Amino acid sequence: MKKYILGVGFMIGCIVLVRMVWHGYFFEETNNAYVHGNVSIVPTRVPEIITDVLVLDNHKVRKGDLLAILGDSYIL
């Protein structure tokens, strides 16, 4: 019975450890962070209004991904 309890405790400990490592790898936490970045102006080839943005903040995009949908009419 002791081996069974130790085995279950070991498995629970391993699961908790894996979850902590997983969370620490993919999520950044801090109380005093500074963000540095660059703002880039992206000109369009056609004068249209963006009607729908298909990506969210901090999402990874790849070459060829559709980022936004342009409207049908141009408003002056």
PDB file of N, CA and C in Angstrom:
ATOM      1  N   MET A   1       0.820  -1.201   0.000  1.00  0.00           N
ATOM      2  CA  MET A   1       0.000   0.000   0.000  1.00  0.00           C
ATOM      3  C   MET A   1       0.860   1.260   0.000  1.00  0.00           C
ATOM      4  N   LYS A   2       2.013   1.222   0.713  1.00  0.00           N
ATOM      5  CA  LYS A   2       2.889   2.394   0.746  1.00  0.00           C
ATOM      6  C   LYS A   2       3.449   2.686  -0.640  1.00  0.00           C
ATOM      7  N   LYS A   3       3.792   1.618  -1.385  1.00  0.00           N
ATOM      8  CA  LYS A   3       4.326   1.825  -2.736  1.00  0.00           C
ATOM      9  C   LYS A   3       3.281   2.481  -3.638  1.00  0.00           C
ATOM     10  N   TYR A   4       2.035   2.079  -3.467  1.00  0.00           N
ATOM     11  CA  TYR A   4       0.956   2.659  -4.261  1.00  0.00           C
ATOM     12  C   TYR A   4       0.799   4.142  -3.950  1.00  0.00           C
ATOM     13  N   ILE A   5       0.799   4.507  -2.693  1.00  0.00           N
ATOM     14  CA  ILE A   5       0.652   5.910  -2.295  1.00  0.00           C
ATOM     15  C   ILE A   5       1.845   6.721  -2.776  1.00  0.00           C
ATOM     16  N   LEU A   6       3.061   6.163  -2.645  1.00  0.00           N
ATOM     17  CA  LEU A   6       4.249   6.866  -3.136  1.00  0.00           C
ATOM     18  C   LEU A   6       4.208   7.031  -4.657  1.00  0.00           C
ATOM     19  N   GLY A   7       3.735   6.008  -5.354  1.00  0.00           N
ATOM     20  CA  GLY A   7       3.627   6.086  -6.813  1.00  0.00           C
ATOM     21  C   GLY A   7       2.643   7.153  -7.258  1.00  0.00           C
ATOM     22  N   VAL A   8       1.493   7.191  -6.602  1.00  0.00           N
ATOM     23  CA  VAL A   8       0.482   8.202  -6.933  1.00  0.00           C
ATOM     24  C   VAL A   8       1.011   9.596  -6.605  1.00  0.00           C
ATOM     25  N   GLY A   9       1.666   9.739  -5.461  1.00  0.00           N
ATOM     26  CA  GLY A   9       2.254  11.033  -5.095  1.00  0.00           C
ATOM     27  C   GLY A   9       3.320  11.473  -6.079  1.00  0.00           C
ATOM     28  N   PHE A  10       4.140  10.521  -6.530  1.00  0.00           N
ATOM     29  CA  PHE A  10       5.177  10.830  -7.517  1.00  0.00           C
ATOM     30  C   PHE A  10       4.555  11.285  -8.834  1.00  0.00           C
ATOM     31  N   MET A  11       3.502  10.601  -9.282  1.00  0.00           N
ATOM     32  CA  MET A  11       2.840  10.974 -10.536  1.00  0.00           C
ATOM     33  C   MET A  11       2.196  12.357 -10.429  1.00  0.00           C
ATOM     34  N   ILE A  12       1.560  12.644  -9.314  1.00  0.00           N
ATOM     35  CA  ILE A  12       0.959  13.967  -9.122  1.00  0.00           C
ATOM     36  C   ILE A  12       2.043  15.036  -9.105  1.00  0.00           C
ATOM     37  N   GLY A  13       3.159  14.751  -8.446  1.00  0.00           N
ATOM     38  CA  GLY A  13       4.282  15.688  -8.428  1.00  0.00           C
ATOM     39  C   GLY A  13       4.833  15.941  -9.819  1.00  0.00           C
ATOM     40  N   CYS A  14       4.943  14.883 -10.630  1.00  0.00           N
ATOM     41  CA  CYS A  14       5.428  15.044 -12.007  1.00  0.00           C
ATOM     42  C   CYS A  14       4.468  15.891 -12.832  1.00  0.00           C
ATOM     43  N   ILE A  15       3.177  15.658 -12.670  1.00  0.00           N
ATOM     44  CA  ILE A  15       2.182  16.436 -13.417  1.00  0.00           C
ATOM     45  C   ILE A  15       2.255  17.907 -13.022  1.00  0.00           C
ATOM     46  N   VAL A  16       2.365  18.181 -11.731  1.00  0.00           N
ATOM     47  CA  VAL A  16       2.472  19.567 -11.263  1.00  0.00           C
ATOM     48  C   VAL A  16       3.741  20.209 -11.802  1.00  0.00           C
ATOM     49  N   LEU A  17       4.854  19.483 -11.790  1.00  0.00           N
ATOM     50  CA  LEU A  17       6.119  20.015 -12.300  1.00  0.00           C
ATOM     51  C   LEU A  17       6.030  20.330 -13.789  1.00  0.00           C
ATOM     52  N   VAL A  18       5.443  19.437 -14.563  1.00  0.00           N
ATOM     53  CA  VAL A  18       5.297  19.669 -16.008  1.00  0.00           C
ATOM     54  C   VAL A  18       4.413  20.881 -16.257  1.00  0.00           C
ATOM     55  N   ARG A  19       3.329  21.021 -15.514  1.00  0.00           N
ATOM     56  CA  ARG A  19       2.453  22.188 -15.681  1.00  0.00           C
ATOM     57  C   ARG A  19       3.172  23.487 -15.351  1.00  0.00           C
ATOM     58  N   MET A  20       3.991  23.480 -14.293  1.00  0.00           N
ATOM     59  CA  MET A  20       4.727  24.685 -13.914  1.00  0.00           C
ATOM     60  C   MET A  20       5.750  25.060 -14.983  1.00  0.00           C
ATOM     61  N   VAL A  21       6.460  24.073 -15.511  1.00  0.00           N
ATOM     62  CA  VAL A  21       7.443  24.343 -16.564  1.00  0.00           C
ATOM     63  C   VAL A  21       6.732  24.830 -17.818  1.00  0.00           C
ATOM     64  N   TRP A  22       5.632  24.200 -18.182  1.00  0.00           N
ATOM     65  CA  TRP A  22       4.855  24.599 -19.365  1.00  0.00           C
ATOM     66  C   TRP A  22       4.381  26.041 -19.226  1.00  0.00           C
ATOM     67  N   HIS A  23       3.835  26.386 -18.084  1.00  0.00           N
ATOM     68  CA  HIS A  23       3.346  27.746 -17.856  1.00  0.00           C
ATOM     69  C   HIS A  23       4.501  28.742 -17.870  1.00  0.00           C
ATOM     70  N   GLY A  24       5.609  28.403 -17.268  1.00  0.00           N
ATOM     71  CA  GLY A  24       6.760  29.299 -17.238  1.00  0.00           C
ATOM     72  C   GLY A  24       7.387  29.508 -18.602  1.00  0.00           C
ATOM     73  N   TYR A  25       7.264  28.524 -19.485  1.00  0.00           N
ATOM     74  CA  TYR A  25       7.847  28.638 -20.820  1.00  0.00           C
ATOM     75  C   TYR A  25       7.002  29.513 -21.738  1.00  0.00           C
ATOM     76  N   PHE A  26       5.693  29.405 -21.661  1.00  0.00           N
ATOM     77  CA  PHE A  26       4.820  30.088 -22.613  1.00  0.00           C
ATOM     78  C   PHE A  26       4.229  31.396 -22.104  1.00  0.00           C
ATOM     79  N   PHE A  27       4.261  31.656 -20.800  1.00  0.00           N
ATOM     80  CA  PHE A  27       3.644  32.850 -20.251  1.00  0.00           C
ATOM     81  C   PHE A  27       4.670  33.658 -19.480  1.00  0.00           C
ATOM     82  N   GLU A  28       4.722  34.941 -19.767  1.00  0.00           N
ATOM     83  CA  GLU A  28       5.652  35.855 -19.099  1.00  0.00           C
ATOM     84  C   GLU A  28       4.904  36.634 -18.035  1.00  0.00           C
ATOM     85  N   GLU A  29       5.450  36.655 -16.835  1.00  0.00           N
ATOM     86  CA  GLU A  29       4.831  37.404 -15.746  1.00  0.00           C
ATOM     87  C   GLU A  29       5.867  38.316 -15.114  1.00  0.00           C
ATOM     88  N   THR A  30       5.471  39.561 -14.857  1.00  0.00           N
ATOM     89  CA  THR A  30       6.362  40.500 -14.194  1.00  0.00           C
ATOM     90  C   THR A  30       5.529  41.608 -13.559  1.00  0.00           C
ATOM     91  N   ASN A  31       6.083  42.254 -12.565  1.00  0.00           N
ATOM     92  CA  ASN A  31       5.394  43.366 -11.920  1.00  0.00           C
ATOM     93  C   ASN A  31       5.873  44.720 -12.436  1.00  0.00           C
ATOM     94  N   ASN A  32       7.041  44.771 -13.035  1.00  0.00           N
ATOM     95  CA  ASN A  32       7.592  46.041 -13.508  1.00  0.00           C
ATOM     96  C   ASN A  32       8.252  45.820 -14.868  1.00  0.00           C
ATOM     97  N   ALA A  33       7.453  45.828 -15.906  1.00  0.00           N
ATOM     98  CA  ALA A  33       7.959  45.542 -17.242  1.00  0.00           C
ATOM     99  C   ALA A  33       7.927  46.789 -18.109  1.00  0.00           C
ATOM    100  N   TYR A  34       8.873  46.867 -19.006  1.00  0.00           N
ATOM    101  CA  TYR A  34       8.914  47.916 -20.010  1.00  0.00           C
ATOM    102  C   TYR A  34       8.870  47.249 -21.377  1.00  0.00           C
ATOM    103  N   VAL A  35       8.086  47.815 -22.261  1.00  0.00           N
ATOM    104  CA  VAL A  35       7.963  47.271 -23.600  1.00  0.00           C
ATOM    105  C   VAL A  35       8.615  48.239 -24.563  1.00  0.00           C
ATOM    106  N   HIS A  36       9.514  47.725 -25.367  1.00  0.00           N
ATOM    107  CA  HIS A  36      10.165  48.527 -26.396  1.00  0.00           C
ATOM    108  C   HIS A  36       9.759  47.960 -27.750  1.00  0.00           C
ATOM    109  N   GLY A  37       9.463  48.824 -28.681  1.00  0.00           N
ATOM    110  CA  GLY A  37       9.067  48.358 -29.995  1.00  0.00           C
ATOM    111  C   GLY A  37       9.163  49.470 -31.013  1.00  0.00           C
ATOM    112  N   ASN A  38       8.876  49.132 -32.227  1.00  0.00           N
ATOM    113  CA  ASN A  38       8.907  50.082 -33.327  1.00  0.00           C
ATOM    114  C   ASN A  38       7.528  50.139 -33.965  1.00  0.00           C
ATOM    115  N   VAL A  39       7.135  51.327 -34.378  1.00  0.00           N
ATOM    116  CA  VAL A  39       5.880  51.510 -35.099  1.00  0.00           C
ATOM    117  C   VAL A  39       6.216  51.630 -36.573  1.00  0.00           C
ATOM    118  N   SER A  40       5.558  50.820 -37.377  1.00  0.00           N
ATOM    119  CA  SER A  40       5.799  50.844 -38.816  1.00  0.00           C
ATOM    120  C   SER A  40       4.528  51.280 -39.528  1.00  0.00           C
ATOM    121  N   ILE A  41       4.663  52.225 -40.430  1.00  0.00           N
ATOM    122  CA  ILE A  41       3.550  52.654 -41.272  1.00  0.00           C
ATOM    123  C   ILE A  41       3.473  51.675 -42.439  1.00  0.00           C
ATOM    124  N   VAL A  42       2.302  51.115 -42.650  1.00  0.00           N
ATOM    125  CA  VAL A  42       2.115  50.159 -43.737  1.00  0.00           C
ATOM    126  C   VAL A  42       1.175  50.794 -44.754  1.00  0.00           C
ATOM    127  N   PRO A  43       1.714  51.298 -45.864  1.00  0.00           N
ATOM    128  CA  PRO A  43       0.844  51.917 -46.869  1.00  0.00           C
ATOM    129  C   PRO A  43       0.114  50.849 -47.686  1.00  0.00           C
ATOM    130  N   THR A  44      -1.052  51.219 -48.185  1.00  0.00           N
ATOM    131  CA  THR A  44      -1.802  50.295 -49.028  1.00  0.00           C
ATOM    132  C   THR A  44      -1.675  50.710 -50.482  1.00  0.00           C
ATOM    133  N   ARG A  45      -1.906  49.775 -51.341  1.00  0.00           N
ATOM    134  CA  ARG A  45      -1.858  50.064 -52.778  1.00  0.00           C
ATOM    135  C   ARG A  45      -3.208  50.553 -53.285  1.00  0.00           C
ATOM    136  N   VAL A  46      -4.254  50.285 -52.527  1.00  0.00           N
ATOM    137  CA  VAL A  46      -5.594  50.733 -52.908  1.00  0.00           C
ATOM    138  C   VAL A  46      -6.180  51.534 -51.757  1.00  0.00           C
ATOM    139  N   PRO A  47      -6.905  52.608 -52.069  1.00  0.00           N
ATOM    140  CA  PRO A  47      -7.485  53.436 -51.001  1.00  0.00           C
ATOM    141  C   PRO A  47      -8.797  52.846 -50.482  1.00  0.00           C
ATOM    142  N   GLU A  48      -8.739  51.877 -49.622  1.00  0.00           N
ATOM    143  CA  GLU A  48      -9.934  51.245 -49.062  1.00  0.00           C
ATOM    144  C   GLU A  48      -9.917  51.340 -47.540  1.00  0.00           C
ATOM    145  N   ILE A  49     -11.068  51.132 -46.950  1.00  0.00           N
ATOM    146  CA  ILE A  49     -11.218  51.126 -45.497  1.00  0.00           C
ATOM    147  C   ILE A  49     -11.158  49.676 -45.011  1.00  0.00           C
ATOM    148  N   ILE A  50     -10.456  49.432 -43.916  1.00  0.00           N
ATOM    149  CA  ILE A  50     -10.402  48.086 -43.346  1.00  0.00           C
ATOM    150  C   ILE A  50     -11.718  47.823 -42.619  1.00  0.00           C
ATOM    151  N   THR A  51     -12.405  46.751 -43.018  1.00  0.00           N
ATOM    152  CA  THR A  51     -13.688  46.417 -42.400  1.00  0.00           C
ATOM    153  C   THR A  51     -13.560  45.325 -41.345  1.00  0.00           C
ATOM    154  N   ASP A  52     -12.531  44.490 -41.442  1.00  0.00           N
ATOM    155  CA  ASP A  52     -12.380  43.403 -40.479  1.00  0.00           C
ATOM    156  C   ASP A  52     -10.905  43.072 -40.314  1.00  0.00           C
ATOM    157  N   VAL A  53     -10.462  42.962 -39.073  1.00  0.00           N
ATOM    158  CA  VAL A  53      -9.093  42.554 -38.766  1.00  0.00           C
ATOM    159  C   VAL A  53      -9.150  41.106 -38.313  1.00  0.00           C
ATOM    160  N   LEU A  54      -8.372  40.246 -38.960  1.00  0.00           N
ATOM    161  CA  LEU A  54      -8.468  38.809 -38.733  1.00  0.00           C
ATOM    162  C   LEU A  54      -7.442  38.263 -37.745  1.00  0.00           C
ATOM    163  N   VAL A  55      -6.584  39.105 -37.197  1.00  0.00           N
ATOM    164  CA  VAL A  55      -5.598  38.649 -36.211  1.00  0.00           C
ATOM    165  C   VAL A  55      -5.765  39.447 -34.926  1.00  0.00           C
ATOM    166  N   LEU A  56      -5.333  38.874 -33.830  1.00  0.00           N
ATOM    167  CA  LEU A  56      -5.390  39.532 -32.532  1.00  0.00           C
ATOM    168  C   LEU A  56      -3.994  39.982 -32.126  1.00  0.00           C
ATOM    169  N   ASP A  57      -3.905  40.794 -31.096  1.00  0.00           N
ATOM    170  CA  ASP A  57      -2.614  41.248 -30.595  1.00  0.00           C
ATOM    171  C   ASP A  57      -1.763  40.055 -30.177  1.00  0.00           C
ATOM    172  N   ASN A  58      -0.486  40.124 -30.501  1.00  0.00           N
ATOM    173  CA  ASN A  58       0.525  39.140 -30.110  1.00  0.00           C
ATOM    174  C   ASN A  58       0.337  37.763 -30.730  1.00  0.00           C
ATOM    175  N   HIS A  59      -0.478  37.634 -31.764  1.00  0.00           N
ATOM    176  CA  HIS A  59      -0.605  36.357 -32.451  1.00  0.00           C
ATOM    177  C   HIS A  59       0.509  36.218 -33.471  1.00  0.00           C
ATOM    178  N   LYS A  60       0.988  35.009 -33.637  1.00  0.00           N
ATOM    179  CA  LYS A  60       2.015  34.751 -34.641  1.00  0.00           C
ATOM    180  C   LYS A  60       1.351  34.659 -36.009  1.00  0.00           C
ATOM    181  N   VAL A  61       1.970  35.270 -36.996  1.00  0.00           N
ATOM    182  CA  VAL A  61       1.483  35.189 -38.368  1.00  0.00           C
ATOM    183  C   VAL A  61       2.613  34.684 -39.244  1.00  0.00           C
ATOM    184  N   ARG A  62       2.233  34.080 -40.333  1.00  0.00           N
ATOM    185  CA  ARG A  62       3.215  33.558 -41.280  1.00  0.00           C
ATOM    186  C   ARG A  62       3.009  34.229 -42.633  1.00  0.00           C
ATOM    187  N   LYS A  63       3.977  34.083 -43.470  1.00  0.00           N
ATOM    188  CA  LYS A  63       3.904  34.642 -44.811  1.00  0.00           C
ATOM    189  C   LYS A  63       2.679  34.066 -45.524  1.00  0.00           C
ATOM    190  N   GLY A  64       1.882  34.942 -46.089  1.00  0.00           N
ATOM    191  CA  GLY A  64       0.698  34.522 -46.816  1.00  0.00           C
ATOM    192  C   GLY A  64      -0.588  34.535 -46.006  1.00  0.00           C
ATOM    193  N   ASP A  65      -0.506  34.736 -44.681  1.00  0.00           N
ATOM    194  CA  ASP A  65      -1.707  34.787 -43.848  1.00  0.00           C
ATOM    195  C   ASP A  65      -2.521  36.038 -44.165  1.00  0.00           C
ATOM    196  N   LEU A  66      -3.838  35.907 -44.162  1.00  0.00           N
ATOM    197  CA  LEU A  66      -4.736  37.034 -44.383  1.00  0.00           C
ATOM    198  C   LEU A  66      -4.881  37.798 -43.074  1.00  0.00           C
ATOM    199  N   LEU A  67      -4.525  39.083 -43.087  1.00  0.00           N
ATOM    200  CA  LEU A  67      -4.522  39.884 -41.871  1.00  0.00           C
ATOM    201  C   LEU A  67      -5.771  40.738 -41.720  1.00  0.00           C
ATOM    202  N   ALA A  68      -6.293  41.266 -42.822  1.00  0.00           N
ATOM    203  CA  ALA A  68      -7.439  42.170 -42.748  1.00  0.00           C
ATOM    204  C   ALA A  68      -8.256  42.065 -44.026  1.00  0.00           C
ATOM    205  N   ILE A  69      -9.510  42.490 -43.921  1.00  0.00           N
ATOM    206  CA  ILE A  69     -10.403  42.533 -45.081  1.00  0.00           C
ATOM    207  C   ILE A  69     -10.720  43.989 -45.364  1.00  0.00           C
ATOM    208  N   LEU A  70     -10.578  44.373 -46.629  1.00  0.00           N
ATOM    209  CA  LEU A  70     -10.855  45.745 -47.047  1.00  0.00           C
ATOM    210  C   LEU A  70     -12.309  45.874 -47.482  1.00  0.00           C
ATOM    211  N   GLY A  71     -12.874  47.079 -47.292  1.00  0.00           N
ATOM    212  CA  GLY A  71     -14.258  47.349 -47.671  1.00  0.00           C
ATOM    213  C   GLY A  71     -14.430  47.466 -49.171  1.00  0.00           C
ATOM    214  N   ASP A  72     -15.685  47.568 -49.585  1.00  0.00           N
ATOM    215  CA  ASP A  72     -16.008  47.629 -51.010  1.00  0.00           C
ATOM    216  C   ASP A  72     -15.941  49.032 -51.578  1.00  0.00           C
ATOM    217  N   SER A  73     -16.180  50.039 -50.763  1.00  0.00           N
ATOM    218  CA  SER A  73     -16.263  51.391 -51.303  1.00  0.00           C
ATOM    219  C   SER A  73     -15.263  52.306 -50.627  1.00  0.00           C
ATOM    220  N   TYR A  74     -14.869  53.314 -51.327  1.00  0.00           N
ATOM    221  CA  TYR A  74     -13.931  54.302 -50.809  1.00  0.00           C
ATOM    222  C   TYR A  74     -14.726  55.533 -50.399  1.00  0.00           C
ATOM    223  N   ILE A  75     -14.565  55.984 -49.156  1.00  0.00           N
ATOM    224  CA  ILE A  75     -15.284  57.153 -48.652  1.00  0.00           C
ATOM    225  C   ILE A  75     -14.313  58.314 -48.540  1.00  0.00           C
ATOM    226  N   LEU A  76     -14.664  59.443 -49.154  1.00  0.00           N
ATOM    227  CA  LEU A  76     -13.796  60.625 -49.073  1.00  0.00           C
ATOM    228  C   LEU A  76     -14.104  61.424 -47.844  1.00  0.00           C
TER     229      LEU A  76
END
